[in-house]
Structure formats: structure tokens, C-alpha cells
Amino acid sequence: MTANDHKLITLIRKGEGIDLEFKTCRNQLNRDVYQTVCAFLNRHGGTVLLGITDAGDIQGIELDAVSQIKKDFVTTINNPQKIHPPAYMAIDELEVEGKQVLRIYVPESSQVH
């Protein structure tokens, strides 16, 4: 287990909170991901982990869906008709316990979205 795996597993075990949200996301993004992103932008920022159940189980994302999910996310957050003003966010691919997980870091915004 790498140091990054250990950090992520520790984060998952901490559970959801004011700055951490889990989304199942097997093969596509649900709309509630964007609601969470807006909430984090309008508060103090946070991290969204895709491929994790609400209970903290590492379910993973289907491998052939990862690149499309990333593309869909970036397209939507940069669309002023969806999120206004558009926001820049990093979305990282991680492998945890042999499963693909996506981590979205949402910064605190100085504007209301």
C-alpha cells in the first residue's frame, strides 16, 4: 500500500462531513455531484470522492467509464449555463484497493455559484 493509498483510506474512514462527500458513480455522474460542488464552492471548499458509497465502501468506477466521467464533469463545470460563474477544479484518477476512484478538489470560491 502506497502512502497515497493510506491517506485516501484514512480520509474515507473519517466519513462524510462538512468538507467531504462520497458519490457511488459506477459508470456516469449523477446530478447531485454538481449540487455538492456548488455547496462546497459557496462554503469552505471540500473533496468529492467518486466511486465510494455513502457508507464509505470503495466500490470503484467502471474502467471504461472513467475518461467519459472526467470529460463530462469538466464540460459541465465550465458551462456558464450549468454553473455560474464557471469554476476551475482538479479531478484526479486514483487506484485504491485495485479499484478506480476519482477525487474532485473543490476550492472555496470568492463568488456565489
PDB file of N, CA and C in Angstrom:
ATOM      1  N   MET A   1       0.852  -1.179   0.000  1.00  0.00           N
ATOM      2  CA  MET A   1       0.000   0.000   0.000  1.00  0.00           C
ATOM      3  C   MET A   1       0.898   1.243   0.000  1.00  0.00           C
ATOM      4  N   THR A   2       0.616   2.147  -0.946  1.00  0.00           N
ATOM      5  CA  THR A   2       1.415   3.365  -1.024  1.00  0.00           C
ATOM      6  C   THR A   2       0.946   4.371   0.017  1.00  0.00           C
ATOM      7  N   ALA A   3       1.738   5.416   0.195  1.00  0.00           N
ATOM      8  CA  ALA A   3       1.371   6.478   1.146  1.00  0.00           C
ATOM      9  C   ALA A   3       0.076   7.154   0.715  1.00  0.00           C
ATOM     10  N   ASN A   4      -0.103   7.336  -0.615  1.00  0.00           N
ATOM     11  CA  ASN A   4      -1.338   7.956  -1.111  1.00  0.00           C
ATOM     12  C   ASN A   4      -2.547   7.087  -0.837  1.00  0.00           C
ATOM     13  N   ASP A   5      -2.392   5.752  -1.016  1.00  0.00           N
ATOM     14  CA  ASP A   5      -3.488   4.827  -0.696  1.00  0.00           C
ATOM     15  C   ASP A   5      -3.869   4.973   0.769  1.00  0.00           C
ATOM     16  N   HIS A   6      -2.848   4.991   1.612  1.00  0.00           N
ATOM     17  CA  HIS A   6      -3.087   5.079   3.056  1.00  0.00           C
ATOM     18  C   HIS A   6      -3.816   6.383   3.408  1.00  0.00           C
ATOM     19  N   LYS A   7      -3.393   7.508   2.804  1.00  0.00           N
ATOM     20  CA  LYS A   7      -4.044   8.802   3.064  1.00  0.00           C
ATOM     21  C   LYS A   7      -5.510   8.767   2.644  1.00  0.00           C
ATOM     22  N   LEU A   8      -5.764   8.197   1.455  1.00  0.00           N
ATOM     23  CA  LEU A   8      -7.127   8.164   0.947  1.00  0.00           C
ATOM     24  C   LEU A   8      -8.006   7.243   1.790  1.00  0.00           C
ATOM     25  N   ILE A   9      -7.491   6.093   2.171  1.00  0.00           N
ATOM     26  CA  ILE A   9      -8.261   5.177   3.017  1.00  0.00           C
ATOM     27  C   ILE A   9      -8.554   5.815   4.369  1.00  0.00           C
ATOM     28  N   THR A  10      -7.585   6.541   4.925  1.00  0.00           N
ATOM     29  CA  THR A  10      -7.801   7.253   6.186  1.00  0.00           C
ATOM     30  C   THR A  10      -8.903   8.296   6.020  1.00  0.00           C
ATOM     31  N   LEU A  11      -8.882   9.018   4.896  1.00  0.00           N
ATOM     32  CA  LEU A  11      -9.904  10.027   4.607  1.00  0.00           C
ATOM     33  C   LEU A  11     -11.283   9.373   4.506  1.00  0.00           C
ATOM     34  N   ILE A  12     -11.358   8.239   3.798  1.00  0.00           N
ATOM     35  CA  ILE A  12     -12.638   7.532   3.633  1.00  0.00           C
ATOM     36  C   ILE A  12     -13.162   7.046   4.988  1.00  0.00           C
ATOM     37  N   ARG A  13     -12.280   6.515   5.810  1.00  0.00           N
ATOM     38  CA  ARG A  13     -12.701   6.017   7.134  1.00  0.00           C
ATOM     39  C   ARG A  13     -13.207   7.139   8.030  1.00  0.00           C
ATOM     40  N   LYS A  14     -12.698   8.355   7.808  1.00  0.00           N
ATOM     41  CA  LYS A  14     -13.165   9.517   8.571  1.00  0.00           C
ATOM     42  C   LYS A  14     -14.654   9.739   8.333  1.00  0.00           C
ATOM     43  N   GLY A  15     -15.094   9.418   7.132  1.00  0.00           N
ATOM     44  CA  GLY A  15     -16.514   9.540   6.792  1.00  0.00           C
ATOM     45  C   GLY A  15     -16.870  10.900   6.240  1.00  0.00           C
ATOM     46  N   GLU A  16     -18.068  10.975   5.702  1.00  0.00           N
ATOM     47  CA  GLU A  16     -18.541  12.228   5.110  1.00  0.00           C
ATOM     48  C   GLU A  16     -18.674  13.300   6.187  1.00  0.00           C
ATOM     49  N   GLY A  17     -18.481  14.521   5.766  1.00  0.00           N
ATOM     50  CA  GLY A  17     -18.602  15.635   6.692  1.00  0.00           C
ATOM     51  C   GLY A  17     -18.772  16.934   5.940  1.00  0.00           C
ATOM     52  N   ILE A  18     -18.509  18.030   6.608  1.00  0.00           N
ATOM     53  CA  ILE A  18     -18.724  19.353   6.034  1.00  0.00           C
ATOM     54  C   ILE A  18     -17.834  19.614   4.814  1.00  0.00           C
ATOM     55  N   ASP A  19     -16.699  18.896   4.709  1.00  0.00           N
ATOM     56  CA  ASP A  19     -15.788  19.117   3.589  1.00  0.00           C
ATOM     57  C   ASP A  19     -15.435  17.828   2.840  1.00  0.00           C
ATOM     58  N   LEU A  20     -16.245  16.783   3.018  1.00  0.00           N
ATOM     59  CA  LEU A  20     -16.001  15.513   2.336  1.00  0.00           C
ATOM     60  C   LEU A  20     -17.323  14.860   1.989  1.00  0.00           C
ATOM     61  N   GLU A  21     -17.465  14.471   0.726  1.00  0.00           N
ATOM     62  CA  GLU A  21     -18.707  13.850   0.261  1.00  0.00           C
ATOM     63  C   GLU A  21     -18.352  12.655  -0.619  1.00  0.00           C
ATOM     64  N   PHE A  22     -19.081  11.545  -0.458  1.00  0.00           N
ATOM     65  CA  PHE A  22     -18.898  10.352  -1.271  1.00  0.00           C
ATOM     66  C   PHE A  22     -20.038  10.250  -2.274  1.00  0.00           C
ATOM     67  N   LYS A  23     -19.704   9.785  -3.489  1.00  0.00           N
ATOM     68  CA  LYS A  23     -20.710   9.523  -4.523  1.00  0.00           C
ATOM     69  C   LYS A  23     -20.405   8.173  -5.144  1.00  0.00           C
ATOM     70  N   THR A  24     -21.426   7.350  -5.335  1.00  0.00           N
ATOM     71  CA  THR A  24     -21.229   5.989  -5.840  1.00  0.00           C
ATOM     72  C   THR A  24     -20.645   5.986  -7.254  1.00  0.00           C
ATOM     73  N   CYS A  25     -21.353   6.510  -8.244  1.00  0.00           N
ATOM     74  CA  CYS A  25     -20.820   6.778  -9.578  1.00  0.00           C
ATOM     75  C   CYS A  25     -20.135   5.577 -10.233  1.00  0.00           C
ATOM     76  N   ARG A  26     -20.866   4.538 -10.567  1.00  0.00           N
ATOM     77  CA  ARG A  26     -20.265   3.354 -11.216  1.00  0.00           C
ATOM     78  C   ARG A  26     -19.858   3.642 -12.665  1.00  0.00           C
ATOM     79  N   ASN A  27     -20.770   4.272 -13.437  1.00  0.00           N
ATOM     80  CA  ASN A  27     -20.459   4.482 -14.853  1.00  0.00           C
ATOM     81  C   ASN A  27     -20.931   5.819 -15.417  1.00  0.00           C
ATOM     82  N   GLN A  28     -21.518   6.671 -14.574  1.00  0.00           N
ATOM     83  CA  GLN A  28     -21.891   8.015 -15.013  1.00  0.00           C
ATOM     84  C   GLN A  28     -22.103   8.913 -13.802  1.00  0.00           C
ATOM     85  N   LEU A  29     -22.017  10.221 -14.058  1.00  0.00           N
ATOM     86  CA  LEU A  29     -22.208  11.199 -12.981  1.00  0.00           C
ATOM     87  C   LEU A  29     -23.678  11.407 -12.712  1.00  0.00           C
ATOM     88  N   ASN A  30     -24.026  11.521 -11.443  1.00  0.00           N
ATOM     89  CA  ASN A  30     -25.386  11.896 -11.073  1.00  0.00           C
ATOM     90  C   ASN A  30     -25.431  13.413 -10.908  1.00  0.00           C
ATOM     91  N   ARG A  31     -26.587  14.000 -11.083  1.00  0.00           N
ATOM     92  CA  ARG A  31     -26.725  15.455 -10.975  1.00  0.00           C
ATOM     93  C   ARG A  31     -26.358  15.970  -9.592  1.00  0.00           C
ATOM     94  N   ASP A  32     -26.550  15.139  -8.561  1.00  0.00           N
ATOM     95  CA  ASP A  32     -26.272  15.617  -7.209  1.00  0.00           C
ATOM     96  C   ASP A  32     -24.786  15.895  -6.974  1.00  0.00           C
ATOM     97  N   VAL A  33     -23.921  15.406  -7.861  1.00  0.00           N
ATOM     98  CA  VAL A  33     -22.492  15.744  -7.772  1.00  0.00           C
ATOM     99  C   VAL A  33     -22.331  17.259  -7.927  1.00  0.00           C
ATOM    100  N   TYR A  34     -23.069  17.845  -8.859  1.00  0.00           N
ATOM    101  CA  TYR A  34     -22.948  19.283  -9.117  1.00  0.00           C
ATOM    102  C   TYR A  34     -23.550  20.107  -7.976  1.00  0.00           C
ATOM    103  N   GLN A  35     -24.588  19.593  -7.346  1.00  0.00           N
ATOM    104  CA  GLN A  35     -25.154  20.278  -6.180  1.00  0.00           C
ATOM    105  C   GLN A  35     -24.132  20.313  -5.052  1.00  0.00           C
ATOM    106  N   THR A  36     -23.426  19.206  -4.857  1.00  0.00           N
ATOM    107  CA  THR A  36     -22.383  19.141  -3.833  1.00  0.00           C
ATOM    108  C   THR A  36     -21.250  20.101  -4.168  1.00  0.00           C
ATOM    109  N   VAL A  37     -20.839  20.113  -5.432  1.00  0.00           N
ATOM    110  CA  VAL A  37     -19.763  21.018  -5.867  1.00  0.00           C
ATOM    111  C   VAL A  37     -20.151  22.465  -5.585  1.00  0.00           C
ATOM    112  N   CYS A  38     -21.376  22.850  -5.928  1.00  0.00           N
ATOM    113  CA  CYS A  38     -21.837  24.228  -5.673  1.00  0.00           C
ATOM    114  C   CYS A  38     -21.840  24.524  -4.175  1.00  0.00           C
ATOM    115  N   ALA A  39     -22.292  23.571  -3.386  1.00  0.00           N
ATOM    116  CA  ALA A  39     -22.308  23.780  -1.933  1.00  0.00           C
ATOM    117  C   ALA A  39     -20.891  24.003  -1.409  1.00  0.00           C
ATOM    118  N   PHE A  40     -19.938  23.200  -1.868  1.00  0.00           N
ATOM    119  CA  PHE A  40     -18.544  23.367  -1.435  1.00  0.00           C
ATOM    120  C   PHE A  40     -17.968  24.694  -1.913  1.00  0.00           C
ATOM    121  N   LEU A  41     -18.264  25.079  -3.153  1.00  0.00           N
ATOM    122  CA  LEU A  41     -17.782  26.362  -3.679  1.00  0.00           C
ATOM    123  C   LEU A  41     -18.284  27.522  -2.822  1.00  0.00           C
ATOM    124  N   ASN A  42     -19.524  27.423  -2.396  1.00  0.00           N
ATOM    125  CA  ASN A  42     -20.155  28.510  -1.653  1.00  0.00           C
ATOM    126  C   ASN A  42     -19.838  28.476  -0.157  1.00  0.00           C
ATOM    127  N   ARG A  43     -19.148  27.443   0.300  1.00  0.00           N
ATOM    128  CA  ARG A  43     -18.781  27.358   1.707  1.00  0.00           C
ATOM    129  C   ARG A  43     -17.274  27.480   1.841  1.00  0.00           C
ATOM    130  N   HIS A  44     -16.635  26.433   2.308  1.00  0.00           N
ATOM    131  CA  HIS A  44     -15.195  26.488   2.551  1.00  0.00           C
ATOM    132  C   HIS A  44     -14.420  25.503   1.696  1.00  0.00           C
ATOM    133  N   GLY A  45     -15.013  25.058   0.582  1.00  0.00           N
ATOM    134  CA  GLY A  45     -14.353  24.080  -0.270  1.00  0.00           C
ATOM    135  C   GLY A  45     -14.507  22.682   0.302  1.00  0.00           C
ATOM    136  N   GLY A  46     -13.968  21.702  -0.425  1.00  0.00           N
ATOM    137  CA  GLY A  46     -14.045  20.327   0.054  1.00  0.00           C
ATOM    138  C   GLY A  46     -13.588  19.347  -0.996  1.00  0.00           C
ATOM    139  N   THR A  47     -13.779  18.080  -0.702  1.00  0.00           N
ATOM    140  CA  THR A  47     -13.376  16.994  -1.588  1.00  0.00           C
ATOM    141  C   THR A  47     -14.571  16.090  -1.851  1.00  0.00           C
ATOM    142  N   VAL A  48     -14.762  15.761  -3.135  1.00  0.00           N
ATOM    143  CA  VAL A  48     -15.788  14.808  -3.527  1.00  0.00           C
ATOM    144  C   VAL A  48     -15.048  13.570  -4.029  1.00  0.00           C
ATOM    145  N   LEU A  49     -15.378  12.409  -3.487  1.00  0.00           N
ATOM    146  CA  LEU A  49     -14.781  11.155  -3.935  1.00  0.00           C
ATOM    147  C   LEU A  49     -15.832  10.363  -4.703  1.00  0.00           C
ATOM    148  N   LEU A  50     -15.562  10.116  -5.973  1.00  0.00           N
ATOM    149  CA  LEU A  50     -16.463   9.341  -6.823  1.00  0.00           C
ATOM    150  C   LEU A  50     -16.009   7.887  -6.821  1.00  0.00           C
ATOM    151  N   GLY A  51     -16.956   6.982  -6.618  1.00  0.00           N
ATOM    152  CA  GLY A  51     -16.639   5.558  -6.565  1.00  0.00           C
ATOM    153  C   GLY A  51     -16.683   5.019  -5.148  1.00  0.00           C
ATOM    154  N   ILE A  52     -17.205   5.831  -4.226  1.00  0.00           N
ATOM    155  CA  ILE A  52     -17.316   5.459  -2.816  1.00  0.00           C
ATOM    156  C   ILE A  52     -18.790   5.552  -2.415  1.00  0.00           C
ATOM    157  N   THR A  53     -19.294   4.543  -1.733  1.00  0.00           N
ATOM    158  CA  THR A  53     -20.695   4.586  -1.288  1.00  0.00           C
ATOM    159  C   THR A  53     -20.829   5.510  -0.078  1.00  0.00           C
ATOM    160  N   ASP A  54     -22.051   5.902   0.239  1.00  0.00           N
ATOM    161  CA  ASP A  54     -22.299   6.761   1.405  1.00  0.00           C
ATOM    162  C   ASP A  54     -21.774   6.131   2.691  1.00  0.00           C
ATOM    163  N   ALA A  55     -21.755   4.797   2.728  1.00  0.00           N
ATOM    164  CA  ALA A  55     -21.278   4.086   3.915  1.00  0.00           C
ATOM    165  C   ALA A  55     -19.748   4.020   3.969  1.00  0.00           C
ATOM    166  N   GLY A  56     -19.078   4.517   2.897  1.00  0.00           N
ATOM    167  CA  GLY A  56     -17.617   4.511   2.887  1.00  0.00           C
ATOM    168  C   GLY A  56     -17.011   3.267   2.264  1.00  0.00           C
ATOM    169  N   ASP A  57     -17.822   2.481   1.559  1.00  0.00           N
ATOM    170  CA  ASP A  57     -17.292   1.298   0.878  1.00  0.00           C
ATOM    171  C   ASP A  57     -16.687   1.711  -0.463  1.00  0.00           C
ATOM    172  N   ILE A  58     -15.501   1.193  -0.759  1.00  0.00           N
ATOM    173  CA  ILE A  58     -14.823   1.514  -2.017  1.00  0.00           C
ATOM    174  C   ILE A  58     -15.388   0.598  -3.090  1.00  0.00           C
ATOM    175  N   GLN A  59     -16.314   1.150  -3.878  1.00  0.00           N
ATOM    176  CA  GLN A  59     -16.973   0.382  -4.928  1.00  0.00           C
ATOM    177  C   GLN A  59     -16.211   0.517  -6.241  1.00  0.00           C
ATOM    178  N   GLY A  60     -15.634   1.689  -6.463  1.00  0.00           N
ATOM    179  CA  GLY A  60     -14.890   1.937  -7.687  1.00  0.00           C
ATOM    180  C   GLY A  60     -15.778   2.368  -8.838  1.00  0.00           C
ATOM    181  N   ILE A  61     -15.116   2.825  -9.889  1.00  0.00           N
ATOM    182  CA  ILE A  61     -15.785   3.261 -11.115  1.00  0.00           C
ATOM    183  C   ILE A  61     -15.386   2.287 -12.205  1.00  0.00           C
ATOM    184  N   GLU A  62     -16.316   1.962 -13.092  1.00  0.00           N
ATOM    185  CA  GLU A  62     -16.000   1.069 -14.207  1.00  0.00           C
ATOM    186  C   GLU A  62     -14.889   1.688 -15.043  1.00  0.00           C
ATOM    187  N   LEU A  63     -13.852   0.899 -15.336  1.00  0.00           N
ATOM    188  CA  LEU A  63     -12.665   1.412 -16.034  1.00  0.00           C
ATOM    189  C   LEU A  63     -12.986   2.102 -17.349  1.00  0.00           C
ATOM    190  N   ASP A  64     -13.900   1.525 -18.127  1.00  0.00           N
ATOM    191  CA  ASP A  64     -14.199   2.129 -19.428  1.00  0.00           C
ATOM    192  C   ASP A  64     -15.048   3.394 -19.323  1.00  0.00           C
ATOM    193  N   ALA A  65     -15.477   3.765 -18.127  1.00  0.00           N
ATOM    194  CA  ALA A  65     -16.282   4.971 -17.932  1.00  0.00           C
ATOM    195  C   ALA A  65     -15.483   6.138 -17.364  1.00  0.00           C
ATOM    196  N   VAL A  66     -14.281   5.890 -16.851  1.00  0.00           N
ATOM    197  CA  VAL A  66     -13.509   6.915 -16.143  1.00  0.00           C
ATOM    198  C   VAL A  66     -13.252   8.146 -17.006  1.00  0.00           C
ATOM    199  N   SER A  67     -12.741   7.962 -18.220  1.00  0.00           N
ATOM    200  CA  SER A  67     -12.400   9.135 -19.043  1.00  0.00           C
ATOM    201  C   SER A  67     -13.644   9.919 -19.443  1.00  0.00           C
ATOM    202  N   GLN A  68     -14.763   9.242 -19.718  1.00  0.00           N
ATOM    203  CA  GLN A  68     -16.000   9.947 -20.077  1.00  0.00           C
ATOM    204  C   GLN A  68     -16.553  10.730 -18.887  1.00  0.00           C
ATOM    205  N   ILE A  69     -16.476  10.160 -17.696  1.00  0.00           N
ATOM    206  CA  ILE A  69     -16.934  10.856 -16.489  1.00  0.00           C
ATOM    207  C   ILE A  69     -16.110  12.123 -16.277  1.00  0.00           C
ATOM    208  N   LYS A  70     -14.794  12.014 -16.413  1.00  0.00           N
ATOM    209  CA  LYS A  70     -13.925  13.184 -16.259  1.00  0.00           C
ATOM    210  C   LYS A  70     -14.280  14.261 -17.291  1.00  0.00           C
ATOM    211  N   LYS A  71     -14.466  13.838 -18.532  1.00  0.00           N
ATOM    212  CA  LYS A  71     -14.804  14.772 -19.610  1.00  0.00           C
ATOM    213  C   LYS A  71     -16.149  15.460 -19.346  1.00  0.00           C
ATOM    214  N   ASP A  72     -17.150  14.672 -18.952  1.00  0.00           N
ATOM    215  CA  ASP A  72     -18.483  15.223 -18.665  1.00  0.00           C
ATOM    216  C   ASP A  72     -18.411  16.234 -17.520  1.00  0.00           C
ATOM    217  N   PHE A  73     -17.636  15.921 -16.489  1.00  0.00           N
ATOM    218  CA  PHE A  73     -17.513  16.813 -15.339  1.00  0.00           C
ATOM    219  C   PHE A  73     -16.892  18.143 -15.755  1.00  0.00           C
ATOM    220  N   VAL A  74     -15.769  18.089 -16.452  1.00  0.00           N
ATOM    221  CA  VAL A  74     -15.065  19.311 -16.873  1.00  0.00           C
ATOM    222  C   VAL A  74     -15.943  20.146 -17.808  1.00  0.00           C
ATOM    223  N   THR A  75     -16.639  19.493 -18.718  1.00  0.00           N
ATOM    224  CA  THR A  75     -17.528  20.200 -19.648  1.00  0.00           C
ATOM    225  C   THR A  75     -18.626  20.933 -18.881  1.00  0.00           C
ATOM    226  N   THR A  76     -19.221  20.267 -17.901  1.00  0.00           N
ATOM    227  CA  THR A  76     -20.319  20.869 -17.145  1.00  0.00           C
ATOM    228  C   THR A  76     -19.856  22.007 -16.253  1.00  0.00           C
ATOM    229  N   ILE A  77     -18.746  21.850 -15.538  1.00  0.00           N
ATOM    230  CA  ILE A  77     -18.325  22.928 -14.635  1.00  0.00           C
ATOM    231  C   ILE A  77     -17.816  24.156 -15.385  1.00  0.00           C
ATOM    232  N   ASN A  78     -17.488  23.985 -16.666  1.00  0.00           N
ATOM    233  CA  ASN A  78     -17.055  25.124 -17.476  1.00  0.00           C
ATOM    234  C   ASN A  78     -18.180  25.697 -18.325  1.00  0.00           C
ATOM    235  N   ASN A  79     -19.399  25.185 -18.147  1.00  0.00           N
ATOM    236  CA  ASN A  79     -20.555  25.670 -18.895  1.00  0.00           C
ATOM    237  C   ASN A  79     -21.296  26.694 -18.035  1.00  0.00           C
ATOM    238  N   PRO A  80     -21.258  27.994 -18.430  1.00  0.00           N
ATOM    239  CA  PRO A  80     -21.900  29.025 -17.609  1.00  0.00           C
ATOM    240  C   PRO A  80     -23.414  28.855 -17.466  1.00  0.00           C
ATOM    241  N   GLN A  81     -24.034  28.026 -18.320  1.00  0.00           N
ATOM    242  CA  GLN A  81     -25.468  27.765 -18.171  1.00  0.00           C
ATOM    243  C   GLN A  81     -25.730  26.723 -17.085  1.00  0.00           C
ATOM    244  N   LYS A  82     -24.705  25.996 -16.687  1.00  0.00           N
ATOM    245  CA  LYS A  82     -24.848  24.973 -15.650  1.00  0.00           C
ATOM    246  C   LYS A  82     -24.346  25.472 -14.300  1.00  0.00           C
ATOM    247  N   ILE A  83     -23.115  25.983 -14.271  1.00  0.00           N
ATOM    248  CA  ILE A  83     -22.541  26.542 -13.050  1.00  0.00           C
ATOM    249  C   ILE A  83     -22.028  27.928 -13.392  1.00  0.00           C
ATOM    250  N   HIS A  84     -22.572  28.913 -12.673  1.00  0.00           N
ATOM    251  CA  HIS A  84     -22.188  30.291 -12.967  1.00  0.00           C
ATOM    252  C   HIS A  84     -21.749  30.995 -11.693  1.00  0.00           C
ATOM    253  N   PRO A  85     -20.624  31.656 -11.692  1.00  0.00           N
ATOM    254  CA  PRO A  85     -19.645  31.645 -12.783  1.00  0.00           C
ATOM    255  C   PRO A  85     -18.928  30.304 -12.847  1.00  0.00           C
ATOM    256  N   PRO A  86     -18.371  29.939 -14.028  1.00  0.00           N
ATOM    257  CA  PRO A  86     -17.638  28.675 -14.139  1.00  0.00           C
ATOM    258  C   PRO A  86     -16.492  28.624 -13.125  1.00  0.00           C
ATOM    259  N   ALA A  87     -16.129  27.423 -12.731  1.00  0.00           N
ATOM    260  CA  ALA A  87     -15.080  27.256 -11.718  1.00  0.00           C
ATOM    261  C   ALA A  87     -14.045  26.257 -12.214  1.00  0.00           C
ATOM    262  N   TYR A  88     -12.800  26.473 -11.834  1.00  0.00           N
ATOM    263  CA  TYR A  88     -11.757  25.529 -12.186  1.00  0.00           C
ATOM    264  C   TYR A  88     -11.568  24.551 -11.032  1.00  0.00           C
ATOM    265  N   MET A  89     -11.574  23.257 -11.341  1.00  0.00           N
ATOM    266  CA  MET A  89     -11.351  22.235 -10.326  1.00  0.00           C
ATOM    267  C   MET A  89     -10.478  21.136 -10.888  1.00  0.00           C
ATOM    268  N   ALA A  90      -9.691  20.539 -10.015  1.00  0.00           N
ATOM    269  CA  ALA A  90      -8.864  19.400 -10.407  1.00  0.00           C
ATOM    270  C   ALA A  90      -9.641  18.118 -10.148  1.00  0.00           C
ATOM    271  N   ILE A  91      -9.556  17.183 -11.092  1.00  0.00           N
ATOM    272  CA  ILE A  91     -10.164  15.866 -10.903  1.00  0.00           C
ATOM    273  C   ILE A  91      -9.059  14.837 -11.150  1.00  0.00           C
ATOM    274  N   ASP A  92      -8.750  14.070 -10.117  1.00  0.00           N
ATOM    275  CA  ASP A  92      -7.633  13.132 -10.172  1.00  0.00           C
ATOM    276  C   ASP A  92      -8.122  11.692 -10.190  1.00  0.00           C
ATOM    277  N   GLU A  93      -7.438  10.867 -11.003  1.00  0.00           N
ATOM    278  CA  GLU A  93      -7.699   9.432 -11.012  1.00  0.00           C
ATOM    279  C   GLU A  93      -6.811   8.773  -9.968  1.00  0.00           C
ATOM    280  N   LEU A  94      -7.418   7.954  -9.137  1.00  0.00           N
ATOM    281  CA  LEU A  94      -6.663   7.227  -8.109  1.00  0.00           C
ATOM    282  C   LEU A  94      -7.063   5.765  -8.154  1.00  0.00           C
ATOM    283  N   GLU A  95      -6.150   4.910  -7.748  1.00  0.00           N
ATOM    284  CA  GLU A  95      -6.484   3.500  -7.605  1.00  0.00           C
ATOM    285  C   GLU A  95      -6.359   3.145  -6.138  1.00  0.00           C
ATOM    286  N   VAL A  96      -7.442   2.637  -5.581  1.00  0.00           N
ATOM    287  CA  VAL A  96      -7.458   2.262  -4.172  1.00  0.00           C
ATOM    288  C   VAL A  96      -7.980   0.837  -4.073  1.00  0.00           C
ATOM    289  N   GLU A  97      -7.196  -0.009  -3.437  1.00  0.00           N
ATOM    290  CA  GLU A  97      -7.570  -1.416  -3.288  1.00  0.00           C
ATOM    291  C   GLU A  97      -7.944  -2.032  -4.636  1.00  0.00           C
ATOM    292  N   GLY A  98      -7.208  -1.642  -5.687  1.00  0.00           N
ATOM    293  CA  GLY A  98      -7.424  -2.191  -7.022  1.00  0.00           C
ATOM    294  C   GLY A  98      -8.628  -1.638  -7.757  1.00  0.00           C
ATOM    295  N   LYS A  99      -9.237  -0.588  -7.218  1.00  0.00           N
ATOM    296  CA  LYS A  99     -10.431  -0.004  -7.837  1.00  0.00           C
ATOM    297  C   LYS A  99     -10.169   1.446  -8.206  1.00  0.00           C
ATOM    298  N   GLN A 100     -10.791   1.886  -9.310  1.00  0.00           N
ATOM    299  CA  GLN A 100     -10.630   3.260  -9.766  1.00  0.00           C
ATOM    300  C   GLN A 100     -11.555   4.192  -8.980  1.00  0.00           C
ATOM    301  N   VAL A 101     -10.989   5.286  -8.496  1.00  0.00           N
ATOM    302  CA  VAL A 101     -11.727   6.312  -7.763  1.00  0.00           C
ATOM    303  C   VAL A 101     -11.325   7.654  -8.358  1.00  0.00           C
ATOM    304  N   LEU A 102     -12.261   8.573  -8.433  1.00  0.00           N
ATOM    305  CA  LEU A 102     -11.962   9.936  -8.865  1.00  0.00           C
ATOM    306  C   LEU A 102     -12.099  10.875  -7.681  1.00  0.00           C
ATOM    307  N   ARG A 103     -11.123  11.766  -7.537  1.00  0.00           N
ATOM    308  CA  ARG A 103     -11.150  12.755  -6.456  1.00  0.00           C
ATOM    309  C   ARG A 103     -11.279  14.137  -7.085  1.00  0.00           C
ATOM    310  N   ILE A 104     -12.291  14.868  -6.638  1.00  0.00           N
ATOM    311  CA  ILE A 104     -12.502  16.238  -7.097  1.00  0.00           C
ATOM    312  C   ILE A 104     -12.205  17.156  -5.926  1.00  0.00           C
ATOM    313  N   TYR A 105     -11.209  18.010  -6.101  1.00  0.00           N
ATOM    314  CA  TYR A 105     -10.918  19.009  -5.077  1.00  0.00           C
ATOM    315  C   TYR A 105     -11.665  20.277  -5.461  1.00  0.00           C
ATOM    316  N   VAL A 106     -12.529  20.727  -4.587  1.00  0.00           N
ATOM    317  CA  VAL A 106     -13.332  21.923  -4.824  1.00  0.00           C
ATOM    318  C   VAL A 106     -12.805  23.038  -3.928  1.00  0.00           C
ATOM    319  N   PRO A 107     -12.252  24.099  -4.529  1.00  0.00           N
ATOM    320  CA  PRO A 107     -11.743  25.208  -3.698  1.00  0.00           C
ATOM    321  C   PRO A 107     -12.889  26.080  -3.193  1.00  0.00           C
ATOM    322  N   GLU A 108     -12.606  26.822  -2.148  1.00  0.00           N
ATOM    323  CA  GLU A 108     -13.567  27.821  -1.695  1.00  0.00           C
ATOM    324  C   GLU A 108     -13.589  28.932  -2.734  1.00  0.00           C
ATOM    325  N   SER A 109     -14.754  29.422  -3.072  1.00  0.00           N
ATOM    326  CA  SER A 109     -14.872  30.467  -4.084  1.00  0.00           C
ATOM    327  C   SER A 109     -15.182  31.811  -3.422  1.00  0.00           C
ATOM    328  N   SER A 110     -14.696  32.850  -4.044  1.00  0.00           N
ATOM    329  CA  SER A 110     -14.998  34.187  -3.532  1.00  0.00           C
ATOM    330  C   SER A 110     -16.309  34.712  -4.115  1.00  0.00           C
ATOM    331  N   GLN A 111     -16.904  33.948  -5.026  1.00  0.00           N
ATOM    332  CA  GLN A 111     -18.157  34.337  -5.665  1.00  0.00           C
ATOM    333  C   GLN A 111     -19.255  33.336  -5.308  1.00  0.00           C
ATOM    334  N   VAL A 112     -20.495  33.722  -5.481  1.00  0.00           N
ATOM    335  CA  VAL A 112     -21.618  32.818  -5.235  1.00  0.00           C
ATOM    336  C   VAL A 112     -21.925  32.095  -6.534  1.00  0.00           C
ATOM    337  N   HIS A 113     -22.080  30.776  -6.438  1.00  0.00           N
ATOM    338  CA  HIS A 113     -22.360  29.955  -7.620  1.00  0.00           C
ATOM    339  C   HIS A 113     -23.783  29.429  -7.553  1.00  0.00           C
TER     340      HIS A 113
END
